[in-house]
Structures are given as structure tokens and as C-alpha cells.
Amino acid sequence: MSDLPTYKDLEVVKNEYLERDYNINIEVPEFNCVCPKTGLPDFANIKISYIPDKNIVELKSLKLYMVGFRNLGIYHEHVTNRILNDLVKILSPKKISVIGDFHPRGGVKTAVTAEWEK
């Protein structure tokens, strides 16, 4: 997994509304990666929900970060947790969850939820 996208690929924007907590919900419905066992493509809807602190994620950089997984062999559980870890590292949000809702393949459907809170 040496070519894995990292938090360094993500950019942030200053949160101008520090006086209130609010939710940011992002969906990436065309996410894809590759099964590390079979080499077949895996497709998912990645759902990100967070309460920002000082920064918010810049969406174009997030899109390019997500595209970086396209040809990588990675398990559903690992990619979901990796996305969470990278967002926590770059944003340090008050609270965040990432759901990897993977499409069925071979009769198996997977949904992985990873959460973090300050």
C-alpha cells in the first residue's frame, strides 16, 4: 500500500463559524478501490459526517484524495479507517464518522462505520 493517498493530499479551509457546532455531511457515491485478493473492482458510497473545529476540508482536494484509491488493493475495513484517520489528522474535528457502504459483490454486502470524537 505504498501509493496510498495520505492526509498530506488534503487541503483545509478555515472554519469561520467557531461560535457554533454544525454538521457537515459529504457523500462520495462513486468511490472505488480494488479487492486485494481478487483484483476485482469494489464500489462504494463513502459517507462522511463531522462537526468541525478550526478547519473544514476543501472539497476538490477531498475528491482527488478519494480518486487516489481507485487502483489500490485495500480491504473495505482498512480503507474506511484510513479515510477516518487522515481526516482526523488534517482537521482535528470535534466529532467525525466515516461510513464505507460497499456495493454487493459475490453475494456479500459490507458497510463499515468508523468514528472518532475529541
Protein backbone atom coordinates (compact mmCIF):
# COMPACT_ATOMS: atom_id res chain seq x y z
CA MET A 1 0.00 0.00 0.00
CA SER A 2 2.89 2.37 -0.65
CA ASP A 3 0.97 4.59 -3.09
CA LEU A 4 -1.90 5.10 -0.66
CA PRO A 5 -3.30 8.62 -0.54
CA THR A 6 -2.42 10.41 2.72
CA TYR A 7 -3.65 13.32 4.79
CA LYS A 8 -1.00 15.42 3.02
CA ASP A 9 -3.16 15.23 -0.13
CA LEU A 10 -6.00 17.03 1.68
CA GLU A 11 -6.35 20.79 1.98
CA VAL A 12 -8.26 22.70 4.63
CA VAL A 13 -10.25 25.90 4.79
CA LYS A 14 -10.63 27.98 7.95
CA ASN A 15 -13.93 27.43 9.76
CA GLU A 16 -15.43 30.92 10.04
CA TYR A 17 -18.22 29.82 12.41
CA LEU A 18 -16.35 28.69 15.51
CA GLU A 19 -19.10 30.07 17.77
CA ARG A 20 -21.44 27.19 16.88
CA ASP A 21 -21.38 23.47 16.32
CA TYR A 22 -22.77 22.39 12.97
CA ASN A 23 -22.70 19.19 10.91
CA ILE A 24 -21.03 18.78 7.56
CA ASN A 25 -22.23 15.77 5.56
CA ILE A 26 -20.36 14.67 2.46
CA GLU A 27 -21.06 11.71 0.19
CA VAL A 28 -18.77 10.19 -2.40
CA PRO A 29 -21.19 7.88 -4.26
CA GLU A 30 -18.73 6.80 -6.94
CA PHE A 31 -15.85 5.67 -4.72
CA ASN A 32 -13.90 2.68 -5.91
CA CYS A 33 -10.87 0.64 -4.97
CA VAL A 34 -9.69 -2.88 -5.76
CA CYS A 35 -10.14 -6.13 -3.84
CA PRO A 36 -6.64 -7.14 -2.67
CA LYS A 37 -7.50 -10.86 -3.03
CA THR A 38 -9.14 -10.98 -6.45
CA GLY A 39 -8.08 -7.75 -8.13
CA LEU A 40 -11.73 -7.04 -8.96
CA PRO A 41 -13.10 -3.52 -8.50
CA ASP A 42 -15.04 -2.62 -5.37
CA PHE A 43 -17.56 0.22 -5.47
CA ALA A 44 -18.93 2.16 -2.51
CA ASN A 45 -20.73 5.21 -1.27
CA ILE A 46 -18.41 6.85 1.27
CA LYS A 47 -20.35 8.98 3.74
CA ILE A 48 -18.51 11.49 5.90
CA SER A 49 -20.23 13.39 8.69
CA TYR A 50 -18.36 15.72 11.02
CA ILE A 51 -18.59 18.63 13.40
CA PRO A 52 -15.67 20.90 12.54
CA ASP A 53 -13.36 22.67 14.93
CA LYS A 54 -10.94 25.19 13.39
CA ASN A 55 -10.88 23.79 9.84
CA ILE A 56 -13.10 22.23 7.20
CA VAL A 57 -11.95 20.02 4.33
CA GLU A 58 -11.62 21.60 0.90
CA LEU A 59 -13.85 19.52 -1.37
CA LYS A 60 -11.75 19.44 -4.55
CA SER A 61 -8.77 18.08 -2.60
CA LEU A 62 -11.08 15.51 -0.99
CA LYS A 63 -12.30 14.42 -4.43
CA LEU A 64 -8.75 13.97 -5.71
CA TYR A 65 -7.77 12.14 -2.49
CA MET A 66 -10.68 9.71 -3.00
CA VAL A 67 -9.73 9.11 -6.64
CA GLY A 68 -6.30 8.07 -5.37
CA PHE A 69 -7.79 4.82 -4.05
CA ARG A 70 -9.12 3.81 -7.48
CA ASN A 71 -6.38 1.31 -8.40
CA LEU A 72 -5.30 0.27 -4.92
CA GLY A 73 -5.90 -3.16 -3.45
CA ILE A 74 -7.30 -2.49 0.02
CA TYR A 75 -9.88 -4.12 2.29
CA HIS A 76 -13.17 -2.32 2.98
CA GLU A 77 -12.39 -2.07 6.69
CA HIS A 78 -8.92 -0.66 6.05
CA VAL A 79 -9.93 1.98 3.55
CA THR A 80 -12.78 3.24 5.75
CA ASN A 81 -10.50 3.55 8.78
CA ARG A 82 -7.71 5.08 6.68
CA ILE A 83 -10.03 7.81 5.43
CA LEU A 84 -11.14 8.49 9.01
CA ASN A 85 -7.54 8.65 10.29
CA ASP A 86 -6.46 11.03 7.52
CA LEU A 87 -9.42 13.36 8.09
CA VAL A 88 -8.83 13.38 11.86
CA LYS A 89 -5.16 14.18 11.29
CA ILE A 90 -5.79 17.10 8.93
CA LEU A 91 -8.99 18.50 10.52
CA SER A 92 -8.90 17.58 14.20
CA PRO A 93 -12.73 17.83 14.20
CA LYS A 94 -14.87 17.78 17.31
CA LYS A 95 -16.55 14.60 16.08
CA ILE A 96 -16.46 12.58 12.86
CA SER A 97 -17.78 9.38 11.34
CA VAL A 98 -16.96 7.72 8.04
CA ILE A 99 -19.19 5.03 6.57
CA GLY A 100 -17.96 2.85 3.74
CA ASP A 101 -21.17 1.44 2.23
CA PHE A 102 -19.84 -1.06 -0.30
CA HIS A 103 -21.95 -2.49 -3.11
CA PRO A 104 -22.66 -6.23 -3.10
CA ARG A 105 -20.23 -8.46 -4.92
CA GLY A 106 -20.33 -12.24 -4.92
CA GLY A 107 -23.45 -12.20 -2.74
CA VAL A 108 -21.80 -10.21 0.09
CA LYS A 109 -22.50 -6.60 1.06
CA THR A 110 -20.33 -4.71 3.53
CA ALA A 111 -20.91 -1.47 5.41
CA VAL A 112 -18.13 -0.25 7.72
CA THR A 113 -18.58 2.61 10.19
CA ALA A 114 -15.56 4.24 11.82
CA GLU A 115 -15.97 7.03 14.37
CA TRP A 116 -13.79 9.44 16.36
CA GLU A 117 -14.54 12.11 18.93
CA LYS A 118 -12.37 14.57 20.87
